[in-house]
Each structure stands twice: as structure tokens, then as C-alpha cells.
């Protein structure tokens, strides 16, 4: 793994710091998105119940809002983070070649003319893909929570199809 990282980053670049920042941003984005969904979902699920003294009674005439409505823009932070990661990290890597190690001209003279681009774009591209996978996994987790925790009498059918409309 270490050889792959050293071959994928600019030579002499302190990649450990960047990896820590990227992983922290991924964890923060996933946690923020998840807790935003949970807070919106819990408010909607509480609206299904009637408060009678010390107990909550399910009002079966009420309907749970669609999953798409509750999800809203909760995953948007991960999509923005994926684009931001790719653009910012690749710009930093190109700038490091030009101004940090001053090896931009050496990299352009190498027999493999794509070596510069591979070193500057591979890790940001891989990490953006990981963020998008995390967003897809979070979508599945949130959908599972929605379908399992919502009372059957309050669900409207075809929630999965409504996501893709």
C-alpha cells in the first residue's frame, strides 16, 4: 500500500497529512448527512403519533411523507465534497510539482507522458469515487431505516421507485 501511495503522489509530497484530512472530511460528511436525515426522520415519525398523557398512540389515518421528501438534500454535502476533493487535491498536486518540488519540467520529459497526470489525478479521483460510494451506501442505510422503522399502516407504496423519478 505504501508503494502505491508513493507512486501515486508527487515525489517528496507529504501524503500522510493529506490522507488524514481527506478521511476526516469523509467521516464528517457522512456523519453530518446521516444525523441530518435522522433528525428529519424522527420529527416526521413523531408526527404520526398522538400524545395521550404518558403514552403515544399511532394514528393510522396519518401518512408518512415520502422517503425522497425526508431525504431531501441530505446527501448533497457528500456530492459537493466529492467534487471539491477532486478539484482541490488535483490543483494542490499540480501546484506542488510546479512550485514545491519544481519538477514539472522533469515530469514532462519522462518517457511516459502521462506520469505527471497520474501522480496528480489518481488519488483525488479514487477518493472522490470512495465518497460517492459512501453516499450510495448511506442512501441504502437511510432507506432501510425508513422502511423498517415506519409503521406499515402509514407507508405509501413504491417508495424506491419515487427516488429515481
N, C-alpha and C. Protein backbone atom coordinates (compact mmCIF):
# COMPACT_ATOMS: atom_id res chain seq x y z
N UNK A 1 0.83 -1.19 0.00
CA UNK A 1 0.00 0.00 0.00
C UNK A 1 0.87 1.25 0.00
N UNK A 2 1.95 1.20 0.76
CA UNK A 2 2.82 2.36 0.83
C UNK A 2 3.46 2.64 -0.52
N UNK A 3 3.85 1.58 -1.26
CA UNK A 3 4.43 1.79 -2.59
C UNK A 3 3.42 2.40 -3.54
N UNK A 4 2.16 1.96 -3.45
CA UNK A 4 1.12 2.54 -4.30
C UNK A 4 0.94 4.01 -4.01
N UNK A 5 0.92 4.37 -2.72
CA UNK A 5 0.75 5.78 -2.35
C UNK A 5 1.94 6.62 -2.80
N UNK A 6 3.14 6.09 -2.64
CA UNK A 6 4.33 6.85 -3.06
C UNK A 6 4.38 7.02 -4.57
N UNK A 7 3.87 6.04 -5.32
CA UNK A 7 3.86 6.15 -6.78
C UNK A 7 2.70 7.00 -7.27
N UNK A 8 1.69 7.22 -6.43
CA UNK A 8 0.51 7.96 -6.86
C UNK A 8 0.52 9.43 -6.46
N UNK A 9 1.39 9.79 -5.57
CA UNK A 9 1.51 11.19 -5.15
C UNK A 9 2.74 11.80 -5.80
N UNK A 10 2.81 13.13 -5.84
CA UNK A 10 4.03 13.78 -6.32
C UNK A 10 5.23 13.38 -5.47
N UNK A 11 6.39 13.29 -6.09
CA UNK A 11 7.59 12.89 -5.36
C UNK A 11 7.95 13.91 -4.29
N UNK A 12 8.21 13.42 -3.09
CA UNK A 12 8.57 14.29 -1.99
C UNK A 12 7.37 14.91 -1.28
N UNK A 13 6.18 14.57 -1.68
CA UNK A 13 4.95 15.16 -1.12
C UNK A 13 4.60 14.46 0.18
N UNK A 14 4.17 15.23 1.17
CA UNK A 14 3.75 14.68 2.46
C UNK A 14 2.30 14.21 2.34
N UNK A 15 2.13 12.98 1.88
CA UNK A 15 0.79 12.47 1.60
C UNK A 15 0.04 12.04 2.85
N UNK A 16 0.73 11.78 3.93
CA UNK A 16 0.05 11.32 5.15
C UNK A 16 -0.88 12.39 5.70
N UNK A 17 -0.45 13.63 5.66
CA UNK A 17 -1.28 14.72 6.14
C UNK A 17 -2.53 14.86 5.27
N UNK A 18 -2.34 14.77 3.96
CA UNK A 18 -3.48 14.89 3.06
C UNK A 18 -4.47 13.74 3.26
N UNK A 19 -3.97 12.54 3.45
CA UNK A 19 -4.86 11.40 3.69
C UNK A 19 -5.67 11.58 4.97
N UNK A 20 -5.04 12.10 6.02
CA UNK A 20 -5.76 12.35 7.27
C UNK A 20 -6.86 13.38 7.07
N UNK A 21 -6.56 14.44 6.32
CA UNK A 21 -7.57 15.47 6.06
C UNK A 21 -8.72 14.91 5.23
N UNK A 22 -8.39 14.14 4.20
CA UNK A 22 -9.43 13.57 3.35
C UNK A 22 -10.32 12.58 4.11
N UNK A 23 -9.72 11.76 4.95
CA UNK A 23 -10.50 10.81 5.74
C UNK A 23 -11.37 11.53 6.77
N UNK A 24 -10.84 12.59 7.35
CA UNK A 24 -11.62 13.38 8.31
C UNK A 24 -12.80 14.04 7.61
N UNK A 25 -12.56 14.58 6.43
CA UNK A 25 -13.66 15.21 5.68
C UNK A 25 -14.71 14.18 5.29
N UNK A 26 -14.30 12.98 4.90
CA UNK A 26 -15.25 11.93 4.57
C UNK A 26 -16.09 11.54 5.77
N UNK A 27 -15.44 11.32 6.90
CA UNK A 27 -16.16 10.94 8.12
C UNK A 27 -17.12 12.05 8.56
N UNK A 28 -16.67 13.28 8.50
CA UNK A 28 -17.54 14.40 8.89
C UNK A 28 -18.73 14.52 7.94
N UNK A 29 -18.50 14.39 6.65
CA UNK A 29 -19.59 14.48 5.68
C UNK A 29 -20.62 13.38 5.87
N UNK A 30 -20.17 12.15 6.11
CA UNK A 30 -21.09 11.04 6.32
C UNK A 30 -21.89 11.24 7.60
N UNK A 31 -21.21 11.63 8.66
CA UNK A 31 -21.90 11.83 9.94
C UNK A 31 -22.91 12.98 9.88
N UNK A 32 -22.53 14.07 9.26
CA UNK A 32 -23.44 15.21 9.14
C UNK A 32 -24.66 14.82 8.31
N UNK A 33 -24.44 14.15 7.19
CA UNK A 33 -25.57 13.73 6.35
C UNK A 33 -26.48 12.76 7.09
N UNK A 34 -25.90 11.81 7.77
CA UNK A 34 -26.69 10.80 8.48
C UNK A 34 -27.51 11.44 9.60
N UNK A 35 -26.90 12.28 10.40
CA UNK A 35 -27.63 12.86 11.52
C UNK A 35 -28.66 13.89 11.06
N UNK A 36 -28.43 14.53 9.93
CA UNK A 36 -29.47 15.40 9.37
C UNK A 36 -30.68 14.58 8.94
N UNK A 37 -30.43 13.41 8.33
CA UNK A 37 -31.55 12.54 7.95
C UNK A 37 -32.28 12.03 9.18
N UNK A 38 -31.54 11.57 10.18
CA UNK A 38 -32.16 11.02 11.39
C UNK A 38 -33.00 12.08 12.09
N UNK A 39 -32.53 13.31 12.15
CA UNK A 39 -33.32 14.35 12.82
C UNK A 39 -34.59 14.66 12.05
N UNK A 40 -34.52 14.73 10.72
CA UNK A 40 -35.72 14.97 9.91
C UNK A 40 -36.68 13.78 10.00
N UNK A 41 -36.15 12.58 9.99
CA UNK A 41 -36.99 11.38 10.07
C UNK A 41 -37.68 11.28 11.42
N UNK A 42 -36.96 11.57 12.48
CA UNK A 42 -37.56 11.46 13.81
C UNK A 42 -38.68 12.48 14.01
N UNK A 43 -38.55 13.66 13.43
CA UNK A 43 -39.64 14.64 13.52
C UNK A 43 -40.88 14.14 12.76
N UNK A 44 -40.67 13.54 11.61
CA UNK A 44 -41.80 13.04 10.83
C UNK A 44 -42.44 11.83 11.48
N UNK A 45 -41.65 10.97 12.09
CA UNK A 45 -42.21 9.78 12.73
C UNK A 45 -42.99 10.16 13.99
N UNK A 46 -42.55 11.19 14.69
CA UNK A 46 -43.29 11.64 15.87
C UNK A 46 -44.63 12.27 15.49
N UNK A 47 -44.72 12.82 14.29
CA UNK A 47 -45.97 13.42 13.83
C UNK A 47 -47.04 12.37 13.55
N UNK A 48 -46.66 11.10 13.46
CA UNK A 48 -47.62 10.02 13.23
C UNK A 48 -48.36 9.60 14.50
N UNK A 49 -47.88 10.03 15.64
CA UNK A 49 -48.43 9.58 16.91
C UNK A 49 -49.21 10.69 17.59
N UNK A 50 -50.20 10.27 18.38
CA UNK A 50 -50.99 11.18 19.19
C UNK A 50 -50.54 11.02 20.64
N UNK A 51 -50.31 12.13 21.29
CA UNK A 51 -49.84 12.10 22.67
C UNK A 51 -51.04 12.09 23.61
N UNK A 52 -51.26 10.99 24.29
CA UNK A 52 -52.35 10.85 25.26
C UNK A 52 -51.74 10.62 26.63
N UNK A 53 -51.49 11.68 27.29
CA UNK A 53 -50.91 11.57 28.63
C UNK A 53 -49.48 11.10 28.56
N UNK A 54 -49.23 9.92 29.11
CA UNK A 54 -47.87 9.39 29.16
C UNK A 54 -47.58 8.42 28.03
N UNK A 55 -48.56 8.15 27.16
CA UNK A 55 -48.33 7.19 26.10
C UNK A 55 -48.57 7.81 24.72
N UNK A 56 -47.90 7.24 23.75
CA UNK A 56 -48.07 7.66 22.35
C UNK A 56 -48.90 6.60 21.63
N UNK A 57 -49.93 7.06 20.92
CA UNK A 57 -50.81 6.16 20.19
C UNK A 57 -50.68 6.48 18.71
N UNK A 58 -50.47 5.42 17.91
CA UNK A 58 -50.32 5.59 16.47
C UNK A 58 -51.66 5.96 15.85
N UNK A 59 -51.65 7.06 15.10
CA UNK A 59 -52.84 7.47 14.35
C UNK A 59 -52.70 6.89 12.94
N UNK A 60 -53.43 5.81 12.66
CA UNK A 60 -53.28 5.11 11.39
C UNK A 60 -53.85 5.88 10.21
N UNK A 61 -54.56 6.96 10.47
CA UNK A 61 -55.07 7.76 9.35
C UNK A 61 -54.01 8.70 8.79
N UNK A 62 -52.96 8.92 9.53
CA UNK A 62 -51.86 9.77 9.06
C UNK A 62 -50.94 8.98 8.13
N UNK A 63 -50.34 9.70 7.20
CA UNK A 63 -49.46 9.06 6.21
C UNK A 63 -48.07 9.66 6.37
N UNK A 64 -47.09 8.78 6.35
CA UNK A 64 -45.68 9.21 6.43
C UNK A 64 -45.30 9.88 5.11
N UNK A 65 -44.61 11.01 5.17
CA UNK A 65 -44.14 11.63 3.92
C UNK A 65 -43.20 10.70 3.17
N UNK A 66 -43.09 10.91 1.88
CA UNK A 66 -42.24 10.06 1.06
C UNK A 66 -40.79 10.14 1.50
N UNK A 67 -40.07 9.06 1.25
CA UNK A 67 -38.65 8.98 1.59
C UNK A 67 -37.86 10.09 0.90
N UNK A 68 -38.18 10.37 -0.33
CA UNK A 68 -37.47 11.40 -1.10
C UNK A 68 -37.63 12.76 -0.43
N UNK A 69 -38.81 13.03 0.09
CA UNK A 69 -39.06 14.30 0.77
C UNK A 69 -38.22 14.41 2.04
N UNK A 70 -38.17 13.33 2.81
CA UNK A 70 -37.39 13.36 4.06
C UNK A 70 -35.90 13.42 3.76
N UNK A 71 -35.46 12.66 2.75
CA UNK A 71 -34.03 12.67 2.40
C UNK A 71 -33.61 14.05 1.91
N UNK A 72 -34.42 14.63 1.05
CA UNK A 72 -34.16 15.99 0.57
C UNK A 72 -32.75 16.19 0.05
N UNK A 73 -32.06 17.13 0.62
CA UNK A 73 -30.70 17.46 0.19
C UNK A 73 -29.65 16.97 1.19
N UNK A 74 -29.99 15.95 1.95
CA UNK A 74 -29.08 15.47 3.00
C UNK A 74 -27.78 14.89 2.44
N UNK A 75 -27.83 14.30 1.24
CA UNK A 75 -26.63 13.72 0.64
C UNK A 75 -25.87 14.71 -0.23
N UNK A 76 -26.41 15.90 -0.38
CA UNK A 76 -25.76 16.90 -1.23
C UNK A 76 -24.38 17.28 -0.72
N UNK A 77 -24.20 17.26 0.59
CA UNK A 77 -22.89 17.61 1.15
C UNK A 77 -21.82 16.62 0.69
N UNK A 78 -22.19 15.34 0.54
CA UNK A 78 -21.22 14.36 0.06
C UNK A 78 -20.90 14.55 -1.42
N UNK A 79 -21.89 14.91 -2.21
CA UNK A 79 -21.64 15.16 -3.63
C UNK A 79 -20.75 16.38 -3.83
N UNK A 80 -20.99 17.41 -3.05
CA UNK A 80 -20.15 18.61 -3.11
C UNK A 80 -18.74 18.28 -2.63
N UNK A 81 -18.65 17.47 -1.59
CA UNK A 81 -17.35 17.07 -1.07
C UNK A 81 -16.56 16.26 -2.09
N UNK A 82 -17.22 15.40 -2.85
CA UNK A 82 -16.53 14.62 -3.88
C UNK A 82 -15.96 15.53 -4.96
N UNK A 83 -16.75 16.48 -5.42
CA UNK A 83 -16.26 17.42 -6.44
C UNK A 83 -15.15 18.31 -5.88
N UNK A 84 -15.35 18.81 -4.67
CA UNK A 84 -14.37 19.67 -4.03
C UNK A 84 -13.04 18.94 -3.82
N UNK A 85 -13.12 17.69 -3.40
CA UNK A 85 -11.91 16.89 -3.17
C UNK A 85 -11.13 16.72 -4.46
N UNK A 86 -11.83 16.35 -5.52
CA UNK A 86 -11.13 16.12 -6.78
C UNK A 86 -10.47 17.40 -7.29
N UNK A 87 -11.19 18.49 -7.31
CA UNK A 87 -10.65 19.75 -7.85
C UNK A 87 -9.52 20.29 -6.98
N UNK A 88 -9.75 20.36 -5.68
CA UNK A 88 -8.75 20.97 -4.81
C UNK A 88 -7.49 20.12 -4.70
N UNK A 89 -7.65 18.81 -4.51
CA UNK A 89 -6.47 17.96 -4.35
C UNK A 89 -5.65 17.91 -5.63
N UNK A 90 -6.30 17.82 -6.79
CA UNK A 90 -5.52 17.79 -8.03
C UNK A 90 -4.82 19.12 -8.27
N UNK A 91 -5.46 20.23 -7.94
CA UNK A 91 -4.79 21.53 -8.08
C UNK A 91 -3.59 21.65 -7.15
N UNK A 92 -3.73 21.13 -5.94
CA UNK A 92 -2.62 21.16 -4.99
C UNK A 92 -1.47 20.31 -5.51
N UNK A 93 -1.77 19.17 -6.10
CA UNK A 93 -0.71 18.30 -6.61
C UNK A 93 0.00 18.92 -7.80
N UNK A 94 -0.74 19.53 -8.71
CA UNK A 94 -0.10 20.21 -9.84
C UNK A 94 0.75 21.39 -9.35
N UNK A 95 0.20 22.13 -8.37
CA UNK A 95 0.96 23.26 -7.83
C UNK A 95 2.22 22.79 -7.11
N UNK A 96 2.15 21.64 -6.45
CA UNK A 96 3.34 21.11 -5.79
C UNK A 96 4.42 20.78 -6.81
N UNK A 97 4.04 20.20 -7.93
CA UNK A 97 5.02 19.90 -8.97
C UNK A 97 5.65 21.18 -9.53
N UNK A 98 4.84 22.20 -9.66
CA UNK A 98 5.34 23.43 -10.26
C UNK A 98 6.16 24.27 -9.27
N UNK A 99 5.63 24.44 -8.05
CA UNK A 99 6.27 25.37 -7.13
C UNK A 99 6.99 24.70 -5.96
N UNK A 100 6.52 23.52 -5.54
CA UNK A 100 7.12 22.86 -4.38
C UNK A 100 8.41 22.14 -4.73
N UNK A 101 8.29 21.10 -5.53
CA UNK A 101 9.49 20.33 -5.88
C UNK A 101 10.13 20.85 -7.15
N UNK A 102 9.45 21.72 -7.87
CA UNK A 102 9.92 22.31 -9.13
C UNK A 102 10.34 21.21 -10.12
N UNK A 103 9.54 20.15 -10.14
CA UNK A 103 9.86 19.03 -11.02
C UNK A 103 8.90 18.94 -12.20
N UNK A 104 8.20 20.01 -12.50
CA UNK A 104 7.20 19.97 -13.57
C UNK A 104 7.84 19.69 -14.92
N UNK A 105 8.98 20.28 -15.18
CA UNK A 105 9.63 20.09 -16.48
C UNK A 105 10.26 18.69 -16.58
N UNK A 106 10.77 18.19 -15.48
CA UNK A 106 11.29 16.83 -15.46
C UNK A 106 10.17 15.83 -15.72
N UNK A 107 9.03 16.04 -15.10
CA UNK A 107 7.90 15.13 -15.28
C UNK A 107 7.40 15.15 -16.72
N UNK A 108 7.47 16.28 -17.37
CA UNK A 108 7.03 16.37 -18.76
C UNK A 108 8.00 15.70 -19.72
N UNK A 109 9.26 15.54 -19.33
CA UNK A 109 10.26 14.92 -20.21
C UNK A 109 10.34 13.42 -20.04
N UNK A 110 9.63 12.85 -19.09
CA UNK A 110 9.69 11.41 -18.86
C UNK A 110 9.14 10.66 -20.08
N UNK A 111 9.61 9.43 -20.30
CA UNK A 111 9.11 8.64 -21.43
C UNK A 111 7.59 8.40 -21.36
N UNK A 112 7.07 8.19 -20.17
CA UNK A 112 5.63 8.05 -20.01
C UNK A 112 5.04 9.45 -19.83
N UNK A 113 4.43 9.96 -20.85
CA UNK A 113 3.97 11.36 -20.81
C UNK A 113 2.77 11.56 -19.88
N UNK A 114 2.16 10.47 -19.44
CA UNK A 114 1.02 10.59 -18.53
C UNK A 114 1.42 10.47 -17.06
N UNK A 115 2.69 10.36 -16.78
CA UNK A 115 3.16 10.19 -15.40
C UNK A 115 2.76 11.38 -14.52
N UNK A 116 2.89 12.59 -15.04
CA UNK A 116 2.51 13.78 -14.28
C UNK A 116 1.03 13.74 -13.93
N UNK A 117 0.21 13.44 -14.91
CA UNK A 117 -1.24 13.42 -14.67
C UNK A 117 -1.64 12.26 -13.75
N UNK A 118 -0.96 11.13 -13.86
CA UNK A 118 -1.26 10.00 -12.98
C UNK A 118 -0.94 10.37 -11.54
N UNK A 119 0.17 11.03 -11.32
CA UNK A 119 0.56 11.40 -9.96
C UNK A 119 -0.32 12.51 -9.39
N UNK A 120 -0.89 13.31 -10.24
CA UNK A 120 -1.70 14.43 -9.75
C UNK A 120 -3.19 14.09 -9.64
N UNK A 121 -3.67 13.17 -10.46
CA UNK A 121 -5.11 12.94 -10.52
C UNK A 121 -5.58 11.61 -9.93
N UNK A 122 -4.69 10.64 -9.76
CA UNK A 122 -5.17 9.31 -9.38
C UNK A 122 -5.77 9.27 -7.98
N UNK A 123 -5.10 9.81 -6.99
CA UNK A 123 -5.63 9.78 -5.62
C UNK A 123 -6.88 10.64 -5.48
N UNK A 124 -6.93 11.87 -6.02
CA UNK A 124 -8.19 12.62 -5.94
C UNK A 124 -9.35 11.90 -6.63
N UNK A 125 -9.08 11.24 -7.74
CA UNK A 125 -10.14 10.51 -8.44
C UNK A 125 -10.60 9.30 -7.62
N UNK A 126 -9.68 8.57 -7.06
CA UNK A 126 -10.03 7.41 -6.23
C UNK A 126 -10.81 7.86 -5.01
N UNK A 127 -10.37 8.93 -4.39
CA UNK A 127 -11.04 9.38 -3.18
C UNK A 127 -12.42 9.95 -3.48
N UNK A 128 -12.59 10.62 -4.60
CA UNK A 128 -13.92 11.10 -4.99
C UNK A 128 -14.86 9.92 -5.23
N UNK A 129 -14.34 8.87 -5.82
CA UNK A 129 -15.14 7.66 -6.04
C UNK A 129 -15.52 7.03 -4.71
N UNK A 130 -14.62 7.02 -3.74
CA UNK A 130 -14.92 6.48 -2.41
C UNK A 130 -16.02 7.30 -1.74
N UNK A 131 -15.98 8.61 -1.90
CA UNK A 131 -17.02 9.47 -1.31
C UNK A 131 -18.37 9.18 -1.96
N UNK A 132 -18.39 8.99 -3.28
CA UNK A 132 -19.64 8.67 -3.96
C UNK A 132 -20.17 7.30 -3.53
N UNK A 133 -19.28 6.35 -3.32
CA UNK A 133 -19.70 5.04 -2.79
C UNK A 133 -20.28 5.17 -1.38
N UNK A 134 -19.67 6.02 -0.57
CA UNK A 134 -20.18 6.25 0.78
C UNK A 134 -21.57 6.89 0.72
N UNK A 135 -21.78 7.79 -0.24
CA UNK A 135 -23.11 8.41 -0.40
C UNK A 135 -24.14 7.37 -0.81
N UNK A 136 -23.77 6.46 -1.72
CA UNK A 136 -24.70 5.41 -2.14
C UNK A 136 -25.02 4.47 -0.98
N UNK A 137 -24.00 4.12 -0.21
CA UNK A 137 -24.21 3.25 0.95
C UNK A 137 -25.08 3.94 1.99
N UNK A 138 -24.87 5.22 2.19
CA UNK A 138 -25.68 5.98 3.14
C UNK A 138 -27.13 6.07 2.66
N UNK A 139 -27.33 6.19 1.36
CA UNK A 139 -28.68 6.19 0.80
C UNK A 139 -29.38 4.87 1.13
N UNK A 140 -28.69 3.76 0.95
CA UNK A 140 -29.28 2.46 1.27
C UNK A 140 -29.57 2.31 2.76
N UNK A 141 -28.67 2.81 3.60
CA UNK A 141 -28.88 2.73 5.05
C UNK A 141 -30.09 3.57 5.45
N UNK A 142 -30.18 4.78 4.94
CA UNK A 142 -31.31 5.65 5.27
C UNK A 142 -32.62 5.07 4.77
N UNK A 143 -32.61 4.48 3.58
CA UNK A 143 -33.82 3.85 3.05
C UNK A 143 -34.23 2.65 3.90
N UNK A 144 -33.25 1.89 4.35
CA UNK A 144 -33.56 0.75 5.22
C UNK A 144 -34.16 1.22 6.54
N UNK A 145 -33.62 2.26 7.11
CA UNK A 145 -34.17 2.80 8.35
C UNK A 145 -35.60 3.26 8.13
N UNK A 146 -35.83 3.93 7.01
CA UNK A 146 -37.16 4.44 6.70
C UNK A 146 -38.17 3.30 6.57
N UNK A 147 -37.83 2.27 5.81
CA UNK A 147 -38.80 1.20 5.56
C UNK A 147 -38.99 0.28 6.77
N UNK A 148 -37.96 0.07 7.55
CA UNK A 148 -38.08 -0.83 8.69
C UNK A 148 -38.75 -0.15 9.88
N UNK A 149 -38.43 1.13 10.11
CA UNK A 149 -38.91 1.80 11.32
C UNK A 149 -40.27 2.47 11.17
N UNK A 150 -40.72 2.68 9.96
CA UNK A 150 -42.01 3.33 9.75
C UNK A 150 -43.11 2.27 9.87
N UNK A 151 -44.16 2.57 10.63
CA UNK A 151 -45.27 1.61 10.73
C UNK A 151 -45.88 1.34 9.36
N UNK A 152 -46.22 0.08 9.13
CA UNK A 152 -46.71 -0.36 7.82
C UNK A 152 -47.99 0.38 7.41
N UNK A 153 -48.83 0.70 8.36
CA UNK A 153 -50.10 1.36 8.04
C UNK A 153 -49.90 2.79 7.53
N UNK A 154 -48.78 3.38 7.83
CA UNK A 154 -48.53 4.77 7.45
C UNK A 154 -47.68 4.92 6.19
N UNK A 155 -47.18 3.82 5.65
CA UNK A 155 -46.32 3.88 4.46
C UNK A 155 -47.14 3.94 3.18
N UNK A 156 -46.68 4.71 2.23
CA UNK A 156 -47.26 4.68 0.89
C UNK A 156 -46.40 3.74 0.04
N UNK A 157 -47.00 3.06 -0.92
CA UNK A 157 -46.24 2.09 -1.70
C UNK A 157 -45.27 2.75 -2.68
N UNK A 158 -44.36 1.94 -3.21
CA UNK A 158 -43.41 2.32 -4.27
C UNK A 158 -42.46 3.44 -3.85
N UNK A 159 -41.93 3.37 -2.66
CA UNK A 159 -41.00 4.40 -2.20
C UNK A 159 -39.69 4.34 -2.97
N UNK A 160 -39.21 3.14 -3.30
CA UNK A 160 -37.93 3.01 -4.02
C UNK A 160 -38.04 3.60 -5.42
N UNK A 161 -39.16 3.42 -6.08
CA UNK A 161 -39.33 3.97 -7.42
C UNK A 161 -39.40 5.49 -7.40
N UNK A 162 -39.91 6.05 -6.32
CA UNK A 162 -40.01 7.51 -6.22
C UNK A 162 -38.65 8.19 -6.10
N UNK A 163 -37.64 7.44 -5.68
CA UNK A 163 -36.29 8.01 -5.59
C UNK A 163 -35.79 8.37 -6.96
N UNK A 164 -36.06 7.55 -7.95
CA UNK A 164 -35.47 7.70 -9.27
C UNK A 164 -36.30 8.55 -10.21
N UNK A 165 -37.39 9.11 -9.75
CA UNK A 165 -38.22 9.99 -10.60
C UNK A 165 -37.74 11.40 -10.54
